Amino acid sequence: MKKILVLAIGLLFLSILARTTSAAPARGTKSTQLPFKLQGTLQSNETYVINFPLMSVGGSGSGQATQLGVFTIQYEGQINLLDRSGVSSVHFVAANGESVYANATGQALESGTPNVYNVVEIFKITGGTGWLTNASGTITMHRVSNTTTGYSSGTFEGIILIP
């Protein structure tokens, strides 16, 4: 009886050891993602093409951000003029030439000034180049867009996850 109990306990420990060993990451691989807080400012110029009820938006500009330094940005999107919701694809290029790619959804709200809108966008990071390859994360941007002048500026913050 004692031998069976010792054998059972031994098998239990071997089972636990086997599960722990197989769950451990292989040597030389990273097992956690490193978060980098991102904050910054942005100024851009936009162009618009209206094909009611949609408006196509193209923009380019520059800004300053933690983790990226001085950067440029290019984006293209579609805005539904009936509810002022929109989607866009975005390309940030850092000063060192490395990129971050993202897709965004947003909502524009009237500001009280004609043709000036308060815009809130949520960016989902889809990847990048260099140390940002396979990056993920989210960025929230708050900006003011003037559809008469095409000028837009704002601030953003978020998290970049590096595998």
C-alpha atoms as a PDB file:
ATOM      1  CA  MET A   1       0.000   0.000   0.000  1.00  0.00           C
ATOM      2  CA  LYS A   2       2.870   2.342   0.900  1.00  0.00           C
ATOM      3  CA  LYS A   3       4.576   1.599  -2.449  1.00  0.00           C
ATOM      4  CA  ILE A   4       1.395   2.437  -4.385  1.00  0.00           C
ATOM      5  CA  LEU A   5       1.048   5.746  -2.503  1.00  0.00           C
ATOM      6  CA  VAL A   6       4.711   6.645  -3.169  1.00  0.00           C
ATOM      7  CA  LEU A   7       4.276   5.679  -6.840  1.00  0.00           C
ATOM      8  CA  ALA A   8       1.106   7.814  -7.137  1.00  0.00           C
ATOM      9  CA  ILE A   9       2.798  10.855  -5.563  1.00  0.00           C
ATOM     10  CA  GLY A  10       5.834  10.365  -7.825  1.00  0.00           C
ATOM     11  CA  LEU A  11       3.622  10.215 -10.928  1.00  0.00           C
ATOM     12  CA  LEU A  12       1.778  13.349  -9.775  1.00  0.00           C
ATOM     13  CA  PHE A  13       5.080  15.277  -9.442  1.00  0.00           C
ATOM     14  CA  LEU A  14       6.286  13.998 -12.831  1.00  0.00           C
ATOM     15  CA  SER A  15       3.007  15.073 -14.391  1.00  0.00           C
ATOM     16  CA  ILE A  16       3.343  18.581 -12.928  1.00  0.00           C
ATOM     17  CA  LEU A  17       6.993  18.774 -14.008  1.00  0.00           C
ATOM     18  CA  ALA A  18       6.119  17.675 -17.553  1.00  0.00           C
ATOM     19  CA  ARG A  19       3.372  20.326 -17.850  1.00  0.00           C
ATOM     20  CA  THR A  20       5.649  23.069 -16.535  1.00  0.00           C
ATOM     21  CA  THR A  21       8.466  22.104 -18.888  1.00  0.00           C
ATOM     22  CA  SER A  22       6.224  21.975 -21.959  1.00  0.00           C
ATOM     23  CA  ALA A  23       4.603  25.300 -21.065  1.00  0.00           C
ATOM     24  CA  ALA A  24       7.940  27.100 -20.672  1.00  0.00           C
ATOM     25  CA  PRO A  25       9.137  29.154 -23.643  1.00  0.00           C
ATOM     26  CA  ALA A  26      11.959  27.816 -25.756  1.00  0.00           C
ATOM     27  CA  ARG A  27      15.384  29.241 -24.986  1.00  0.00           C
ATOM     28  CA  GLY A  28      16.173  32.374 -26.925  1.00  0.00           C
ATOM     29  CA  THR A  29      12.529  33.420 -27.350  1.00  0.00           C
ATOM     30  CA  LYS A  30      10.798  36.284 -25.627  1.00  0.00           C
ATOM     31  CA  SER A  31       7.858  35.264 -23.502  1.00  0.00           C
ATOM     32  CA  THR A  32       6.388  38.712 -22.744  1.00  0.00           C
ATOM     33  CA  GLN A  33       5.404  41.790 -24.661  1.00  0.00           C
ATOM     34  CA  LEU A  34       7.072  45.076 -23.764  1.00  0.00           C
ATOM     35  CA  PRO A  35       4.664  48.025 -23.554  1.00  0.00           C
ATOM     36  CA  PHE A  36       5.848  51.482 -24.563  1.00  0.00           C
ATOM     37  CA  LYS A  37       3.694  54.460 -23.689  1.00  0.00           C
ATOM     38  CA  LEU A  38       3.247  56.777 -26.642  1.00  0.00           C
ATOM     39  CA  GLN A  39       2.245  60.444 -26.351  1.00  0.00           C
ATOM     40  CA  GLY A  40       2.513  63.241 -28.823  1.00  0.00           C
ATOM     41  CA  THR A  41       1.169  66.041 -30.964  1.00  0.00           C
ATOM     42  CA  LEU A  42       0.224  66.188 -34.628  1.00  0.00           C
ATOM     43  CA  GLN A  43      -0.399  68.814 -37.303  1.00  0.00           C
ATOM     44  CA  SER A  44      -1.611  67.859 -40.758  1.00  0.00           C
ATOM     45  CA  ASN A  45      -3.173  69.157 -43.942  1.00  0.00           C
ATOM     46  CA  GLU A  46      -6.123  67.343 -45.444  1.00  0.00           C
ATOM     47  CA  THR A  47      -7.837  67.199 -48.812  1.00  0.00           C
ATOM     48  CA  TYR A  48     -11.456  66.174 -49.288  1.00  0.00           C
ATOM     49  CA  VAL A  49     -13.496  64.654 -52.097  1.00  0.00           C
ATOM     50  CA  ILE A  50     -17.238  64.445 -51.502  1.00  0.00           C
ATOM     51  CA  ASN A  51     -19.379  61.788 -53.135  1.00  0.00           C
ATOM     52  CA  PHE A  52     -22.435  62.103 -50.892  1.00  0.00           C
ATOM     53  CA  PRO A  53     -23.014  60.516 -48.432  1.00  0.00           C
ATOM     54  CA  LEU A  54     -19.268  59.730 -48.242  1.00  0.00           C
ATOM     55  CA  MET A  55     -16.280  62.021 -48.051  1.00  0.00           C
ATOM     56  CA  SER A  56     -12.804  60.739 -48.873  1.00  0.00           C
ATOM     57  CA  VAL A  57     -10.027  62.285 -46.808  1.00  0.00           C
ATOM     58  CA  GLY A  58      -6.315  62.268 -47.547  1.00  0.00           C
ATOM     59  CA  GLY A  59      -3.843  63.818 -45.190  1.00  0.00           C
ATOM     60  CA  SER A  60      -0.190  64.257 -44.420  1.00  0.00           C
ATOM     61  CA  GLY A  61       1.637  66.005 -41.654  1.00  0.00           C
ATOM     62  CA  SER A  62       4.161  65.746 -38.882  1.00  0.00           C
ATOM     63  CA  GLY A  63       4.454  65.604 -35.150  1.00  0.00           C
ATOM     64  CA  GLN A  64       6.492  64.699 -32.121  1.00  0.00           C
ATOM     65  CA  ALA A  65       5.996  61.555 -30.032  1.00  0.00           C
ATOM     66  CA  THR A  66       7.669  59.627 -27.271  1.00  0.00           C
ATOM     67  CA  GLN A  67       9.247  56.436 -28.666  1.00  0.00           C
ATOM     68  CA  LEU A  68       9.107  57.817 -32.254  1.00  0.00           C
ATOM     69  CA  GLY A  69      10.667  61.276 -31.926  1.00  0.00           C
ATOM     70  CA  VAL A  70       9.828  63.593 -34.799  1.00  0.00           C
ATOM     71  CA  PHE A  71       7.618  61.718 -37.256  1.00  0.00           C
ATOM     72  CA  THR A  72       5.646  62.171 -40.449  1.00  0.00           C
ATOM     73  CA  ILE A  73       2.179  60.786 -41.029  1.00  0.00           C
ATOM     74  CA  GLN A  74       0.113  59.924 -44.079  1.00  0.00           C
ATOM     75  CA  TYR A  75      -3.472  58.740 -43.983  1.00  0.00           C
ATOM     76  CA  GLU A  76      -6.474  58.016 -46.168  1.00  0.00           C
ATOM     77  CA  GLY A  77     -10.004  57.515 -44.989  1.00  0.00           C
ATOM     78  CA  GLN A  78     -13.714  57.593 -45.602  1.00  0.00           C
ATOM     79  CA  ILE A  79     -16.213  59.623 -43.567  1.00  0.00           C
ATOM     80  CA  ASN A  80     -19.949  58.985 -43.561  1.00  0.00           C
ATOM     81  CA  LEU A  81     -21.404  62.503 -43.730  1.00  0.00           C
ATOM     82  CA  LEU A  82     -24.762  61.373 -42.319  1.00  0.00           C
ATOM     83  CA  ASP A  83     -23.377  60.389 -38.912  1.00  0.00           C
ATOM     84  CA  ARG A  84     -19.787  61.770 -39.170  1.00  0.00           C
ATOM     85  CA  SER A  85     -18.214  58.357 -38.441  1.00  0.00           C
ATOM     86  CA  GLY A  86     -15.101  57.347 -40.293  1.00  0.00           C
ATOM     87  CA  VAL A  87     -12.417  54.767 -40.942  1.00  0.00           C
ATOM     88  CA  SER A  88      -8.855  55.279 -42.123  1.00  0.00           C
ATOM     89  CA  SER A  89      -5.494  53.648 -42.681  1.00  0.00           C
ATOM     90  CA  VAL A  90      -2.477  55.427 -41.223  1.00  0.00           C
ATOM     91  CA  HIS A  91       1.291  55.285 -41.745  1.00  0.00           C
ATOM     92  CA  PHE A  92       3.622  56.915 -39.188  1.00  0.00           C
ATOM     93  CA  VAL A  93       7.328  57.237 -40.149  1.00  0.00           C
ATOM     94  CA  ALA A  94       9.773  57.911 -37.300  1.00  0.00           C
ATOM     95  CA  ALA A  95      12.849  60.111 -37.691  1.00  0.00           C
ATOM     96  CA  ASN A  96      15.038  57.011 -38.108  1.00  0.00           C
ATOM     97  CA  GLY A  97      12.892  55.769 -41.029  1.00  0.00           C
ATOM     98  CA  GLU A  98      11.067  53.012 -39.139  1.00  0.00           C
ATOM     99  CA  SER A  99       7.309  52.828 -39.554  1.00  0.00           C
ATOM    100  CA  VAL A 100       4.149  52.091 -37.606  1.00  0.00           C
ATOM    101  CA  TYR A 101       0.998  51.035 -39.475  1.00  0.00           C
ATOM    102  CA  ALA A 102      -2.507  51.378 -38.035  1.00  0.00           C
ATOM    103  CA  ASN A 103      -6.189  51.299 -38.905  1.00  0.00           C
ATOM    104  CA  ALA A 104      -8.489  53.797 -37.256  1.00  0.00           C
ATOM    105  CA  THR A 105     -12.146  54.360 -36.536  1.00  0.00           C
ATOM    106  CA  GLY A 106     -13.345  57.768 -35.536  1.00  0.00           C
ATOM    107  CA  GLN A 107     -16.185  60.127 -34.812  1.00  0.00           C
ATOM    108  CA  ALA A 108     -16.406  63.834 -35.609  1.00  0.00           C
ATOM    109  CA  LEU A 109     -18.553  66.162 -33.500  1.00  0.00           C
ATOM    110  CA  GLU A 110     -19.569  69.727 -34.263  1.00  0.00           C
ATOM    111  CA  SER A 111     -17.483  72.258 -32.344  1.00  0.00           C
ATOM    112  CA  GLY A 112     -19.901  75.176 -32.515  1.00  0.00           C
ATOM    113  CA  THR A 113     -17.791  76.884 -35.194  1.00  0.00           C
ATOM    114  CA  PRO A 114     -18.923  76.289 -38.805  1.00  0.00           C
ATOM    115  CA  ASN A 115     -16.819  73.656 -40.617  1.00  0.00           C
ATOM    116  CA  VAL A 116     -14.696  72.953 -37.513  1.00  0.00           C
ATOM    117  CA  TYR A 117     -15.009  69.518 -35.910  1.00  0.00           C
ATOM    118  CA  ASN A 118     -13.715  67.826 -32.787  1.00  0.00           C
ATOM    119  CA  VAL A 119     -12.515  64.390 -33.874  1.00  0.00           C
ATOM    120  CA  VAL A 120     -11.798  61.381 -31.682  1.00  0.00           C
ATOM    121  CA  GLU A 121     -10.064  58.408 -33.304  1.00  0.00           C
ATOM    122  CA  ILE A 122      -8.990  55.008 -32.023  1.00  0.00           C
ATOM    123  CA  PHE A 123      -6.013  53.519 -33.874  1.00  0.00           C
ATOM    124  CA  LYS A 124      -5.294  49.794 -33.832  1.00  0.00           C
ATOM    125  CA  ILE A 125      -1.593  49.257 -34.550  1.00  0.00           C
ATOM    126  CA  THR A 126      -1.208  46.503 -37.155  1.00  0.00           C
ATOM    127  CA  GLY A 127       2.586  46.342 -37.455  1.00  0.00           C
ATOM    128  CA  GLY A 128       5.671  48.243 -38.418  1.00  0.00           C
ATOM    129  CA  THR A 129       9.274  48.032 -39.522  1.00  0.00           C
ATOM    130  CA  GLY A 130      12.600  47.791 -37.660  1.00  0.00           C
ATOM    131  CA  TRP A 131      12.148  47.466 -33.905  1.00  0.00           C
ATOM    132  CA  LEU A 132       8.400  48.012 -34.522  1.00  0.00           C
ATOM    133  CA  THR A 133       8.028  44.870 -36.666  1.00  0.00           C
ATOM    134  CA  ASN A 134       5.036  42.882 -35.401  1.00  0.00           C
ATOM    135  CA  ALA A 135       4.056  45.747 -33.073  1.00  0.00           C
ATOM    136  CA  SER A 136       0.491  45.957 -31.816  1.00  0.00           C
ATOM    137  CA  GLY A 137      -1.416  48.236 -29.479  1.00  0.00           C
ATOM    138  CA  THR A 138      -3.839  51.144 -29.549  1.00  0.00           C
ATOM    139  CA  ILE A 139      -3.618  54.910 -29.814  1.00  0.00           C
ATOM    140  CA  THR A 140      -6.376  57.410 -28.989  1.00  0.00           C
ATOM    141  CA  MET A 141      -6.206  60.714 -30.844  1.00  0.00           C
ATOM    142  CA  HIS A 142      -8.135  63.926 -30.083  1.00  0.00           C
ATOM    143  CA  ARG A 143      -7.881  66.572 -32.762  1.00  0.00           C
ATOM    144  CA  VAL A 144      -9.622  69.575 -34.269  1.00  0.00           C
ATOM    145  CA  SER A 145     -10.206  69.545 -38.021  1.00  0.00           C
ATOM    146  CA  ASN A 146     -11.152  72.591 -40.104  1.00  0.00           C
ATOM    147  CA  THR A 147     -12.759  71.458 -43.366  1.00  0.00           C
ATOM    148  CA  THR A 148     -12.538  74.982 -44.839  1.00  0.00           C
ATOM    149  CA  THR A 149      -8.752  75.288 -44.504  1.00  0.00           C
ATOM    150  CA  GLY A 150      -7.913  71.554 -44.412  1.00  0.00           C
ATOM    151  CA  TYR A 151      -5.800  72.091 -41.275  1.00  0.00           C
ATOM    152  CA  SER A 152      -5.962  69.550 -38.447  1.00  0.00           C
ATOM    153  CA  SER A 153      -4.078  69.373 -35.163  1.00  0.00           C
ATOM    154  CA  GLY A 154      -4.295  67.385 -31.982  1.00  0.00           C
ATOM    155  CA  THR A 155      -2.797  65.174 -29.323  1.00  0.00           C
ATOM    156  CA  PHE A 156      -2.643  61.425 -28.866  1.00  0.00           C
ATOM    157  CA  GLU A 157      -1.618  58.765 -26.409  1.00  0.00           C
ATOM    158  CA  GLY A 158      -1.513  55.023 -26.369  1.00  0.00           C
ATOM    159  CA  ILE A 159       0.465  51.857 -25.901  1.00  0.00           C
ATOM    160  CA  ILE A 160       2.739  50.087 -28.394  1.00  0.00           C
ATOM    161  CA  LEU A 161       3.334  46.418 -27.598  1.00  0.00           C
ATOM    162  CA  ILE A 162       6.566  44.911 -28.886  1.00  0.00           C
ATOM    163  CA  PRO A 163       6.681  41.091 -28.981  1.00  0.00           C
END
